Amino acid sequence: LGLLTVDPTRQAGGLGRLLIEAAEAEARSRFAATRMEMTVIRQRSEL
C-alpha cells in the first residue's frame, strides 16, 4: 500500500480509513493478497 493521499482540506473526516479499506479489498480481489505492507518514515510517529 502506497501513495495514500487525502485532499488536505478533507483530512480527519474518515476518507483515509475508507481508502485503506478499498485498497485492502482491491489487494485481495485483484492480487489474491493475504497480507498488506507499507513503509512509513520513522519520524512520522503520529502517522
ModelCIF file with pLDDT and N, C-alpha, C, O atoms, coordinates in Angstrom:
data_MODEL
#
_entry.id   MODEL 
#
_entity.id                         1 
_entity.type                       polymer 
_entity.pdbx_number_of_molecules   1 
#
_entity_poly.entity_id                      1 
_entity_poly.type                           'polypeptide(L)' 
_entity_poly.nstd_linkage                   no 
_entity_poly.nstd_monomer                   no 
_entity_poly.pdbx_seq_one_letter_code       LGLLTVDPTRQAGGLGRLLIEAAEAEARSRFAATRMEMTVIRQRSEL 
_entity_poly.pdbx_seq_one_letter_code_can   LGLLTVDPTRQAGGLGRLLIEAAEAEARSRFAATRMEMTVIRQRSEL 
_entity_poly.pdbx_strand_id                 A 
#
loop_
_entity_poly_seq.entity_id 
_entity_poly_seq.num 
_entity_poly_seq.mon_id 
_entity_poly_seq.hetero 
1 1  LEU n 
1 2  GLY n 
1 3  LEU n 
1 4  LEU n 
1 5  THR n 
1 6  VAL n 
1 7  ASP n 
1 8  PRO n 
1 9  THR n 
1 10 ARG n 
1 11 GLN n 
1 12 ALA n 
1 13 GLY n 
1 14 GLY n 
1 15 LEU n 
1 16 GLY n 
1 17 ARG n 
1 18 LEU n 
1 19 LEU n 
1 20 ILE n 
1 21 GLU n 
1 22 ALA n 
1 23 ALA n 
1 24 GLU n 
1 25 ALA n 
1 26 GLU n 
1 27 ALA n 
1 28 ARG n 
1 29 SER n 
1 30 ARG n 
1 31 PHE n 
1 32 ALA n 
1 33 ALA n 
1 34 THR n 
1 35 ARG n 
1 36 MET n 
1 37 GLU n 
1 38 MET n 
1 39 THR n 
1 40 VAL n 
1 41 ILE n 
1 42 ARG n 
1 43 GLN n 
1 44 ARG n 
1 45 SER n 
1 46 GLU n 
1 47 LEU n 
#
_struct_asym.id          A 
_struct_asym.entity_id   1 
#
loop_
_ma_qa_metric.id 
_ma_qa_metric.mode 
_ma_qa_metric.name 
_ma_qa_metric.software_group_id 
_ma_qa_metric.type 
1 global pLDDT . pLDDT 
2 local  pLDDT . pLDDT 
#
_ma_qa_metric_global.metric_id      1 
_ma_qa_metric_global.metric_value   92.36 
_ma_qa_metric_global.model_id       1 
_ma_qa_metric_global.ordinal_id     1 
#
loop_
_ma_qa_metric_local.label_asym_id 
_ma_qa_metric_local.label_comp_id 
_ma_qa_metric_local.label_seq_id 
_ma_qa_metric_local.metric_id 
_ma_qa_metric_local.metric_value 
_ma_qa_metric_local.model_id 
_ma_qa_metric_local.ordinal_id 
A LEU 1  2 98.00 1 1  
A GLY 2  2 94.00 1 2  
A LEU 3  2 93.00 1 3  
A LEU 4  2 94.00 1 4  
A THR 5  2 91.00 1 5  
A VAL 6  2 91.00 1 6  
A ASP 7  2 87.00 1 7  
A PRO 8  2 82.00 1 8  
A THR 9  2 82.00 1 9  
A ARG 10 2 79.00 1 10 
A GLN 11 2 76.00 1 11 
A ALA 12 2 72.00 1 12 
A GLY 13 2 80.00 1 13 
A GLY 14 2 90.00 1 14 
A LEU 15 2 93.00 1 15 
A GLY 16 2 93.00 1 16 
A ARG 17 2 95.00 1 17 
A LEU 18 2 96.00 1 18 
A LEU 19 2 97.00 1 19 
A ILE 20 2 97.00 1 20 
A GLU 21 2 97.00 1 21 
A ALA 22 2 97.00 1 22 
A ALA 23 2 98.00 1 23 
A GLU 24 2 98.00 1 24 
A ALA 25 2 98.00 1 25 
A GLU 26 2 98.00 1 26 
A ALA 27 2 98.00 1 27 
A ARG 28 2 98.00 1 28 
A SER 29 2 98.00 1 29 
A ARG 30 2 98.00 1 30 
A PHE 31 2 98.00 1 31 
A ALA 32 2 98.00 1 32 
A ALA 33 2 98.00 1 33 
A THR 34 2 98.00 1 34 
A ARG 35 2 98.00 1 35 
A MET 36 2 98.00 1 36 
A GLU 37 2 98.00 1 37 
A MET 38 2 97.00 1 38 
A THR 39 2 95.00 1 39 
A VAL 40 2 93.00 1 40 
A ILE 41 2 87.00 1 41 
A ARG 42 2 90.00 1 42 
A GLN 43 2 85.00 1 43 
A ARG 44 2 86.00 1 44 
A SER 45 2 88.00 1 45 
A GLU 46 2 88.00 1 46 
A LEU 47 2 88.00 1 47 
#
loop_
_atom_site.group_PDB 
_atom_site.id 
_atom_site.type_symbol 
_atom_site.label_atom_id 
_atom_site.label_alt_id 
_atom_site.label_comp_id 
_atom_site.label_asym_id 
_atom_site.label_entity_id 
_atom_site.label_seq_id 
_atom_site.pdbx_PDB_ins_code 
_atom_site.Cartn_x 
_atom_site.Cartn_y 
_atom_site.Cartn_z 
_atom_site.occupancy 
_atom_site.B_iso_or_equiv 
_atom_site.pdbx_formal_charge 
_atom_site.auth_seq_id 
_atom_site.auth_comp_id 
_atom_site.auth_asym_id 
_atom_site.auth_atom_id 
_atom_site.pdbx_PDB_model_num 
ATOM 1   N N  . LEU A 1 1  ? 0.859   -1.179  0.000  1.00 98.00 ? 1  LEU A N  1 
ATOM 2   C CA . LEU A 1 1  ? 0.000   0.000   0.000  1.00 98.00 ? 1  LEU A CA 1 
ATOM 3   C C  . LEU A 1 1  ? 0.895   1.229   0.000  1.00 98.00 ? 1  LEU A C  1 
ATOM 4   O O  . LEU A 1 1  ? 1.786   1.355   0.839  1.00 98.00 ? 1  LEU A O  1 
ATOM 5   N N  . GLY A 1 2  ? 0.657   2.129   -0.939 1.00 94.00 ? 2  GLY A N  1 
ATOM 6   C CA . GLY A 1 2  ? 1.460   3.346   -1.016 1.00 94.00 ? 2  GLY A CA 1 
ATOM 7   C C  . GLY A 1 2  ? 0.657   4.508   -1.559 1.00 94.00 ? 2  GLY A C  1 
ATOM 8   O O  . GLY A 1 2  ? -0.493  4.353   -1.969 1.00 94.00 ? 2  GLY A O  1 
ATOM 9   N N  . LEU A 1 3  ? 1.281   5.675   -1.555 1.00 93.00 ? 3  LEU A N  1 
ATOM 10  C CA . LEU A 1 3  ? 0.677   6.905   -2.077 1.00 93.00 ? 3  LEU A CA 1 
ATOM 11  C C  . LEU A 1 3  ? -0.703  7.197   -1.486 1.00 93.00 ? 3  LEU A C  1 
ATOM 12  O O  . LEU A 1 3  ? -1.552  7.792   -2.149 1.00 93.00 ? 3  LEU A O  1 
ATOM 13  N N  . LEU A 1 4  ? -0.922  6.783   -0.255 1.00 94.00 ? 4  LEU A N  1 
ATOM 14  C CA . LEU A 1 4  ? -2.200  7.104   0.375  1.00 94.00 ? 4  LEU A CA 1 
ATOM 15  C C  . LEU A 1 4  ? -2.291  8.622   0.493  1.00 94.00 ? 4  LEU A C  1 
ATOM 16  O O  . LEU A 1 4  ? -1.474  9.254   1.163  1.00 94.00 ? 4  LEU A O  1 
ATOM 17  N N  . THR A 1 5  ? -3.279  9.189   -0.155 1.00 91.00 ? 5  THR A N  1 
ATOM 18  C CA . THR A 1 5  ? -3.408  10.638  -0.249 1.00 91.00 ? 5  THR A CA 1 
ATOM 19  C C  . THR A 1 5  ? -4.845  11.048  -0.021 1.00 91.00 ? 5  THR A C  1 
ATOM 20  O O  . THR A 1 5  ? -5.764  10.477  -0.608 1.00 91.00 ? 5  THR A O  1 
ATOM 21  N N  . VAL A 1 6  ? -5.038  12.041  0.837  1.00 91.00 ? 6  VAL A N  1 
ATOM 22  C CA . VAL A 1 6  ? -6.344  12.652  1.038  1.00 91.00 ? 6  VAL A CA 1 
ATOM 23  C C  . VAL A 1 6  ? -6.161  14.156  0.853  1.00 91.00 ? 6  VAL A C  1 
ATOM 24  O O  . VAL A 1 6  ? -5.225  14.742  1.395  1.00 91.00 ? 6  VAL A O  1 
ATOM 25  N N  . ASP A 1 7  ? -7.040  14.769  0.100  1.00 87.00 ? 7  ASP A N  1 
ATOM 26  C CA . ASP A 1 7  ? -7.025  16.221  -0.066 1.00 87.00 ? 7  ASP A CA 1 
ATOM 27  C C  . ASP A 1 7  ? -6.853  16.845  1.325  1.00 87.00 ? 7  ASP A C  1 
ATOM 28  O O  . ASP A 1 7  ? -7.628  16.538  2.231  1.00 87.00 ? 7  ASP A O  1 
ATOM 29  N N  . PRO A 1 8  ? -5.841  17.722  1.511  1.00 82.00 ? 8  PRO A N  1 
ATOM 30  C CA . PRO A 1 8  ? -5.578  18.272  2.841  1.00 82.00 ? 8  PRO A CA 1 
ATOM 31  C C  . PRO A 1 8  ? -6.789  18.955  3.484  1.00 82.00 ? 8  PRO A C  1 
ATOM 32  O O  . PRO A 1 8  ? -6.906  18.971  4.709  1.00 82.00 ? 8  PRO A O  1 
ATOM 33  N N  . THR A 1 9  ? -7.669  19.506  2.693  1.00 82.00 ? 9  THR A N  1 
ATOM 34  C CA . THR A 1 9  ? -8.841  20.187  3.257  1.00 82.00 ? 9  THR A CA 1 
ATOM 35  C C  . THR A 1 9  ? -9.916  19.202  3.695  1.00 82.00 ? 9  THR A C  1 
ATOM 36  O O  . THR A 1 9  ? -10.897 19.600  4.323  1.00 82.00 ? 9  THR A O  1 
ATOM 37  N N  . ARG A 1 10 ? -9.745  17.908  3.371  1.00 79.00 ? 10 ARG A N  1 
ATOM 38  C CA . ARG A 1 10 ? -10.724 16.883  3.726  1.00 79.00 ? 10 ARG A CA 1 
ATOM 39  C C  . ARG A 1 10 ? -10.173 15.860  4.723  1.00 79.00 ? 10 ARG A C  1 
ATOM 40  O O  . ARG A 1 10 ? -10.832 14.859  5.003  1.00 79.00 ? 10 ARG A O  1 
ATOM 41  N N  . GLN A 1 11 ? -8.980  16.098  5.257  1.00 76.00 ? 11 GLN A N  1 
ATOM 42  C CA . GLN A 1 11 ? -8.390  15.146  6.189  1.00 76.00 ? 11 GLN A CA 1 
ATOM 43  C C  . GLN A 1 11 ? -9.122  15.174  7.518  1.00 76.00 ? 11 GLN A C  1 
ATOM 44  O O  . GLN A 1 11 ? -9.776  16.156  7.868  1.00 76.00 ? 11 GLN A O  1 
ATOM 45  N N  . ALA A 1 12 ? -9.000  14.085  8.245  1.00 72.00 ? 12 ALA A N  1 
ATOM 46  C CA . ALA A 1 12 ? -9.625  13.888  9.559  1.00 72.00 ? 12 ALA A CA 1 
ATOM 47  C C  . ALA A 1 12 ? -11.132 13.721  9.437  1.00 72.00 ? 12 ALA A C  1 
ATOM 48  O O  . ALA A 1 12 ? -11.866 13.973  10.392 1.00 72.00 ? 12 ALA A O  1 
ATOM 49  N N  . GLY A 1 13 ? -11.600 13.294  8.254  1.00 80.00 ? 13 GLY A N  1 
ATOM 50  C CA . GLY A 1 13 ? -13.029 13.070  8.059  1.00 80.00 ? 13 GLY A CA 1 
ATOM 51  C C  . GLY A 1 13 ? -13.380 11.622  7.756  1.00 80.00 ? 13 GLY A C  1 
ATOM 52  O O  . GLY A 1 13 ? -14.539 11.315  7.476  1.00 80.00 ? 13 GLY A O  1 
ATOM 53  N N  . GLY A 1 14 ? -12.399 10.726  7.808  1.00 90.00 ? 14 GLY A N  1 
ATOM 54  C CA . GLY A 1 14 ? -12.665 9.312   7.580  1.00 90.00 ? 14 GLY A CA 1 
ATOM 55  C C  . GLY A 1 14 ? -12.313 8.804   6.194  1.00 90.00 ? 14 GLY A C  1 
ATOM 56  O O  . GLY A 1 14 ? -12.385 7.599   5.950  1.00 90.00 ? 14 GLY A O  1 
ATOM 57  N N  . LEU A 1 15 ? -11.934 9.690   5.279  1.00 93.00 ? 15 LEU A N  1 
ATOM 58  C CA . LEU A 1 15 ? -11.629 9.250   3.916  1.00 93.00 ? 15 LEU A CA 1 
ATOM 59  C C  . LEU A 1 15 ? -10.382 8.371   3.859  1.00 93.00 ? 15 LEU A C  1 
ATOM 60  O O  . LEU A 1 15 ? -10.347 7.415   3.085  1.00 93.00 ? 15 LEU A O  1 
ATOM 61  N N  . GLY A 1 16 ? -9.366  8.669   4.655  1.00 93.00 ? 16 GLY A N  1 
ATOM 62  C CA . GLY A 1 16 ? -8.161  7.837   4.672  1.00 93.00 ? 16 GLY A CA 1 
ATOM 63  C C  . GLY A 1 16 ? -8.483  6.404   5.061  1.00 93.00 ? 16 GLY A C  1 
ATOM 64  O O  . GLY A 1 16 ? -7.988  5.460   4.445  1.00 93.00 ? 16 GLY A O  1 
ATOM 65  N N  . ARG A 1 17 ? -9.304  6.246   6.074  1.00 95.00 ? 17 ARG A N  1 
ATOM 66  C CA . ARG A 1 17 ? -9.723  4.903   6.517  1.00 95.00 ? 17 ARG A CA 1 
ATOM 67  C C  . ARG A 1 17 ? -10.448 4.178   5.393  1.00 95.00 ? 17 ARG A C  1 
ATOM 68  O O  . ARG A 1 17 ? -10.211 2.993   5.161  1.00 95.00 ? 17 ARG A O  1 
ATOM 69  N N  . LEU A 1 18 ? -11.342 4.895   4.687  1.00 96.00 ? 18 LEU A N  1 
ATOM 70  C CA . LEU A 1 18 ? -12.073 4.268   3.583  1.00 96.00 ? 18 LEU A CA 1 
ATOM 71  C C  . LEU A 1 18 ? -11.146 3.901   2.431  1.00 96.00 ? 18 LEU A C  1 
ATOM 72  O O  . LEU A 1 18 ? -11.340 2.869   1.789  1.00 96.00 ? 18 LEU A O  1 
ATOM 73  N N  . LEU A 1 19 ? -10.147 4.724   2.163  1.00 97.00 ? 19 LEU A N  1 
ATOM 74  C CA . LEU A 1 19 ? -9.170  4.403   1.125  1.00 97.00 ? 19 LEU A CA 1 
ATOM 75  C C  . LEU A 1 19 ? -8.379  3.151   1.480  1.00 97.00 ? 19 LEU A C  1 
ATOM 76  O O  . LEU A 1 19 ? -8.124  2.314   0.614  1.00 97.00 ? 19 LEU A O  1 
ATOM 77  N N  . ILE A 1 20 ? -7.989  3.018   2.740  1.00 97.00 ? 20 ILE A N  1 
ATOM 78  C CA . ILE A 1 20 ? -7.263  1.816   3.165  1.00 97.00 ? 20 ILE A CA 1 
ATOM 79  C C  . ILE A 1 20 ? -8.150  0.589   2.989  1.00 97.00 ? 20 ILE A C  1 
ATOM 80  O O  . ILE A 1 20 ? -7.694  -0.434  2.478  1.00 97.00 ? 20 ILE A O  1 
ATOM 81  N N  . GLU A 1 21 ? -9.399  0.677   3.401  1.00 97.00 ? 21 GLU A N  1 
ATOM 82  C CA . GLU A 1 21 ? -10.321 -0.452  3.242  1.00 97.00 ? 21 GLU A CA 1 
ATOM 83  C C  . GLU A 1 21 ? -10.493 -0.814  1.770  1.00 97.00 ? 21 GLU A C  1 
ATOM 84  O O  . GLU A 1 21 ? -10.519 -1.995  1.425  1.00 97.00 ? 21 GLU A O  1 
ATOM 85  N N  . ALA A 1 22 ? -10.609 0.186   0.900  1.00 97.00 ? 22 ALA A N  1 
ATOM 86  C CA . ALA A 1 22 ? -10.738 -0.075  -0.538 1.00 97.00 ? 22 ALA A CA 1 
ATOM 87  C C  . ALA A 1 22 ? -9.464  -0.718  -1.080 1.00 97.00 ? 22 ALA A C  1 
ATOM 88  O O  . ALA A 1 22 ? -9.532  -1.626  -1.909 1.00 97.00 ? 22 ALA A O  1 
ATOM 89  N N  . ALA A 1 23 ? -8.296  -0.250  -0.614 1.00 98.00 ? 23 ALA A N  1 
ATOM 90  C CA . ALA A 1 23 ? -7.017  -0.811  -1.060 1.00 98.00 ? 23 ALA A CA 1 
ATOM 91  C C  . ALA A 1 23 ? -6.887  -2.265  -0.622 1.00 98.00 ? 23 ALA A C  1 
ATOM 92  O O  . ALA A 1 23 ? -6.419  -3.106  -1.390 1.00 98.00 ? 23 ALA A O  1 
ATOM 93  N N  . GLU A 1 24 ? -7.296  -2.561  0.602  1.00 98.00 ? 24 GLU A N  1 
ATOM 94  C CA . GLU A 1 24 ? -7.217  -3.937  1.096  1.00 98.00 ? 24 GLU A CA 1 
ATOM 95  C C  . GLU A 1 24 ? -8.143  -4.857  0.299  1.00 98.00 ? 24 GLU A C  1 
ATOM 96  O O  . GLU A 1 24 ? -7.766  -5.980  -0.037 1.00 98.00 ? 24 GLU A O  1 
ATOM 97  N N  . ALA A 1 25 ? -9.343  -4.385  0.001  1.00 98.00 ? 25 ALA A N  1 
ATOM 98  C CA . ALA A 1 25 ? -10.277 -5.180  -0.807 1.00 98.00 ? 25 ALA A CA 1 
ATOM 99  C C  . ALA A 1 25 ? -9.719  -5.395  -2.210 1.00 98.00 ? 25 ALA A C  1 
ATOM 100 O O  . ALA A 1 25 ? -9.835  -6.486  -2.767 1.00 98.00 ? 25 ALA A O  1 
ATOM 101 N N  . GLU A 1 26 ? -9.116  -4.360  -2.777 1.00 98.00 ? 26 GLU A N  1 
ATOM 102 C CA . GLU A 1 26 ? -8.519  -4.465  -4.116 1.00 98.00 ? 26 GLU A CA 1 
ATOM 103 C C  . GLU A 1 26 ? -7.355  -5.451  -4.106 1.00 98.00 ? 26 GLU A C  1 
ATOM 104 O O  . GLU A 1 26 ? -7.208  -6.246  -5.034 1.00 98.00 ? 26 GLU A O  1 
ATOM 105 N N  . ALA A 1 27 ? -6.536  -5.404  -3.073 1.00 98.00 ? 27 ALA A N  1 
ATOM 106 C CA . ALA A 1 27 ? -5.396  -6.322  -2.962 1.00 98.00 ? 27 ALA A CA 1 
ATOM 107 C C  . ALA A 1 27 ? -5.871  -7.770  -2.911 1.00 98.00 ? 27 ALA A C  1 
ATOM 108 O O  . ALA A 1 27 ? -5.276  -8.651  -3.532 1.00 98.00 ? 27 ALA A O  1 
ATOM 109 N N  . ARG A 1 28 ? -6.952  -8.009  -2.162 1.00 98.00 ? 28 ARG A N  1 
ATOM 110 C CA . ARG A 1 28 ? -7.487  -9.375  -2.072 1.00 98.00 ? 28 ARG A CA 1 
ATOM 111 C C  . ARG A 1 28 ? -8.068  -9.813  -3.416 1.00 98.00 ? 28 ARG A C  1 
ATOM 112 O O  . ARG A 1 28 ? -7.770  -10.909 -3.890 1.00 98.00 ? 28 ARG A O  1 
ATOM 113 N N  . SER A 1 29 ? -8.894  -8.966  -4.033 1.00 98.00 ? 29 SER A N  1 
ATOM 114 C CA . SER A 1 29 ? -9.591  -9.391  -5.247 1.00 98.00 ? 29 SER A CA 1 
ATOM 115 C C  . SER A 1 29 ? -8.696  -9.391  -6.486 1.00 98.00 ? 29 SER A C  1 
ATOM 116 O O  . SER A 1 29 ? -8.783  -10.313 -7.296 1.00 98.00 ? 29 SER A O  1 
ATOM 117 N N  . ARG A 1 30 ? -7.858  -8.404  -6.651 1.00 98.00 ? 30 ARG A N  1 
ATOM 118 C CA . ARG A 1 30 ? -7.031  -8.283  -7.857 1.00 98.00 ? 30 ARG A CA 1 
ATOM 119 C C  . ARG A 1 30 ? -5.785  -9.148  -7.801 1.00 98.00 ? 30 ARG A C  1 
ATOM 120 O O  . ARG A 1 30 ? -5.395  -9.740  -8.807 1.00 98.00 ? 30 ARG A O  1 
ATOM 121 N N  . PHE A 1 31 ? -5.146  -9.230  -6.616 1.00 98.00 ? 31 PHE A N  1 
ATOM 122 C CA . PHE A 1 31 ? -3.854  -9.894  -6.497 1.00 98.00 ? 31 PHE A CA 1 
ATOM 123 C C  . PHE A 1 31 ? -3.881  -11.119 -5.589 1.00 98.00 ? 31 PHE A C  1 
ATOM 124 O O  . PHE A 1 31 ? -2.836  -11.726 -5.356 1.00 98.00 ? 31 PHE A O  1 
ATOM 125 N N  . ALA A 1 32 ? -5.045  -11.496 -5.073 1.00 98.00 ? 32 ALA A N  1 
ATOM 126 C CA . ALA A 1 32 ? -5.179  -12.622 -4.143 1.00 98.00 ? 32 ALA A CA 1 
ATOM 127 C C  . ALA A 1 32 ? -4.245  -12.472 -2.947 1.00 98.00 ? 32 ALA A C  1 
ATOM 128 O O  . ALA A 1 32 ? -3.696  -13.454 -2.447 1.00 98.00 ? 32 ALA A O  1 
ATOM 129 N N  . ALA A 1 33 ? -4.074  -11.246 -2.502 1.00 98.00 ? 33 ALA A N  1 
ATOM 130 C CA . ALA A 1 33 ? -3.178  -10.968 -1.380 1.00 98.00 ? 33 ALA A CA 1 
ATOM 131 C C  . ALA A 1 33 ? -3.803  -11.408 -0.064 1.00 98.00 ? 33 ALA A C  1 
ATOM 132 O O  . ALA A 1 33 ? -5.010  -11.292 0.147  1.00 98.00 ? 33 ALA A O  1 
ATOM 133 N N  . THR A 1 34 ? -2.956  -11.909 0.801  1.00 98.00 ? 34 THR A N  1 
ATOM 134 C CA . THR A 1 34 ? -3.376  -12.280 2.154  1.00 98.00 ? 34 THR A CA 1 
ATOM 135 C C  . THR A 1 34 ? -2.721  -11.381 3.205  1.00 98.00 ? 34 THR A C  1 
ATOM 136 O O  . THR A 1 34 ? -3.072  -11.426 4.384  1.00 98.00 ? 34 THR A O  1 
ATOM 137 N N  . ARG A 1 35 ? -1.759  -10.562 2.754  1.00 98.00 ? 35 ARG A N  1 
ATOM 138 C CA . ARG A 1 35 ? -1.068  -9.621  3.637  1.00 98.00 ? 35 ARG A CA 1 
ATOM 139 C C  . ARG A 1 35 ? -0.834  -8.320  2.876  1.00 98.00 ? 35 ARG A C  1 
ATOM 140 O O  . ARG A 1 35 ? -0.655  -8.316  1.658  1.00 98.00 ? 35 ARG A O  1 
ATOM 141 N N  . MET A 1 36 ? -0.839  -7.217  3.622  1.00 98.00 ? 36 MET A N  1 
ATOM 142 C CA . MET A 1 36 ? -0.547  -5.907  3.032  1.00 98.00 ? 36 MET A CA 1 
ATOM 143 C C  . MET A 1 36 ? 0.581   -5.285  3.839  1.00 98.00 ? 36 MET A C  1 
ATOM 144 O O  . MET A 1 36 ? 0.575   -5.334  5.069  1.00 98.00 ? 36 MET A O  1 
ATOM 145 N N  . GLU A 1 37 ? 1.552   -4.698  3.140  1.00 98.00 ? 37 GLU A N  1 
ATOM 146 C CA . GLU A 1 37 ? 2.618   -3.994  3.833  1.00 98.00 ? 37 GLU A CA 1 
ATOM 147 C C  . GLU A 1 37 ? 2.700   -2.569  3.322  1.00 98.00 ? 37 GLU A C  1 
ATOM 148 O O  . GLU A 1 37 ? 2.198   -2.239  2.248  1.00 98.00 ? 37 GLU A O  1 
ATOM 149 N N  . MET A 1 38 ? 3.346   -1.737  4.119  1.00 97.00 ? 38 MET A N  1 
ATOM 150 C CA . MET A 1 38 ? 3.612   -0.359  3.727  1.00 97.00 ? 38 MET A CA 1 
ATOM 151 C C  . MET A 1 38 ? 4.894   0.082   4.401  1.00 97.00 ? 38 MET A C  1 
ATOM 152 O O  . MET A 1 38 ? 5.369   -0.550  5.345  1.00 97.00 ? 38 MET A O  1 
ATOM 153 N N  . THR A 1 39 ? 5.446   1.174   3.904  1.00 95.00 ? 39 THR A N  1 
ATOM 154 C CA . THR A 1 39 ? 6.590   1.789   4.558  1.00 95.00 ? 39 THR A CA 1 
ATOM 155 C C  . THR A 1 39 ? 6.190   3.201   4.974  1.00 95.00 ? 39 THR A C  1 
ATOM 156 O O  . THR A 1 39 ? 5.475   3.899   4.256  1.00 95.00 ? 39 THR A O  1 
ATOM 157 N N  . VAL A 1 40 ? 6.669   3.602   6.151  1.00 93.00 ? 40 VAL A N  1 
ATOM 158 C CA . VAL A 1 40 ? 6.368   4.920   6.701  1.00 93.00 ? 40 VAL A CA 1 
ATOM 159 C C  . VAL A 1 40 ? 7.674   5.499   7.220  1.00 93.00 ? 40 VAL A C  1 
ATOM 160 O O  . VAL A 1 40 ? 8.483   4.783   7.810  1.00 93.00 ? 40 VAL A O  1 
ATOM 161 N N  . ILE A 1 41 ? 7.880   6.787   7.005  1.00 87.00 ? 41 ILE A N  1 
ATOM 162 C CA . ILE A 1 41 ? 9.084   7.430   7.516  1.00 87.00 ? 41 ILE A CA 1 
ATOM 163 C C  . ILE A 1 41 ? 9.079   7.332   9.039  1.00 87.00 ? 41 ILE A C  1 
ATOM 164 O O  . ILE A 1 41 ? 8.105   7.706   9.693  1.00 87.00 ? 41 ILE A O  1 
ATOM 165 N N  . ARG A 1 42 ? 10.164  6.832   9.588  1.00 90.00 ? 42 ARG A N  1 
ATOM 166 C CA . ARG A 1 42 ? 10.274  6.571   11.028 1.00 90.00 ? 42 ARG A CA 1 
ATOM 167 C C  . ARG A 1 42 ? 9.893   7.791   11.881 1.00 90.00 ? 42 ARG A C  1 
ATOM 168 O O  . ARG A 1 42 ? 9.298   7.636   12.948 1.00 90.00 ? 42 ARG A O  1 
ATOM 169 N N  . GLN A 1 43 ? 10.225  8.970   11.428 1.00 85.00 ? 43 GLN A N  1 
ATOM 170 C CA . GLN A 1 43 ? 9.961   10.189  12.202 1.00 85.00 ? 43 GLN A CA 1 
ATOM 171 C C  . GLN A 1 43 ? 8.475   10.557  12.249 1.00 85.00 ? 43 GLN A C  1 
ATOM 172 O O  . GLN A 1 43 ? 8.106   11.489  12.964 1.00 85.00 ? 43 GLN A O  1 
ATOM 173 N N  . ARG A 1 44 ? 7.628   9.862   11.518 1.00 86.00 ? 44 ARG A N  1 
ATOM 174 C CA . ARG A 1 44 ? 6.196   10.179  11.446 1.00 86.00 ? 44 ARG A CA 1 
ATOM 175 C C  . ARG A 1 44 ? 5.415   9.374   12.482 1.00 86.00 ? 44 ARG A C  1 
ATOM 176 O O  . ARG A 1 44 ? 4.521   8.610   12.119 1.00 86.00 ? 44 ARG A O  1 
ATOM 177 N N  . SER A 1 45 ? 5.735   9.532   13.757 1.00 88.00 ? 45 SER A N  1 
ATOM 178 C CA . SER A 1 45 ? 5.155   8.712   14.820 1.00 88.00 ? 45 SER A CA 1 
ATOM 179 C C  . SER A 1 45 ? 3.631   8.843   14.900 1.00 88.00 ? 45 SER A C  1 
ATOM 180 O O  . SER A 1 45 ? 2.946   7.861   15.187 1.00 88.00 ? 45 SER A O  1 
ATOM 181 N N  . GLU A 1 46 ? 3.099   10.022  14.654 1.00 88.00 ? 46 GLU A N  1 
ATOM 182 C CA . GLU A 1 46 ? 1.648   10.204  14.693 1.00 88.00 ? 46 GLU A CA 1 
ATOM 183 C C  . GLU A 1 46 ? 0.962   9.385   13.591 1.00 88.00 ? 46 GLU A C  1 
ATOM 184 O O  . GLU A 1 46 ? -0.096  8.796   13.811 1.00 88.00 ? 46 GLU A O  1 
ATOM 185 N N  . LEU A 1 47 ? 1.573   9.358   12.418 1.00 88.00 ? 47 LEU A N  1 
ATOM 186 C CA . LEU A 1 47 ? 1.016   8.590   11.306 1.00 88.00 ? 47 LEU A CA 1 
ATOM 187 C C  . LEU A 1 47 ? 1.163   7.089   11.565 1.00 88.00 ? 47 LEU A C  1 
ATOM 188 O O  . LEU A 1 47 ? 0.751   6.277   10.737 1.00 88.00 ? 47 LEU A O  1 
#
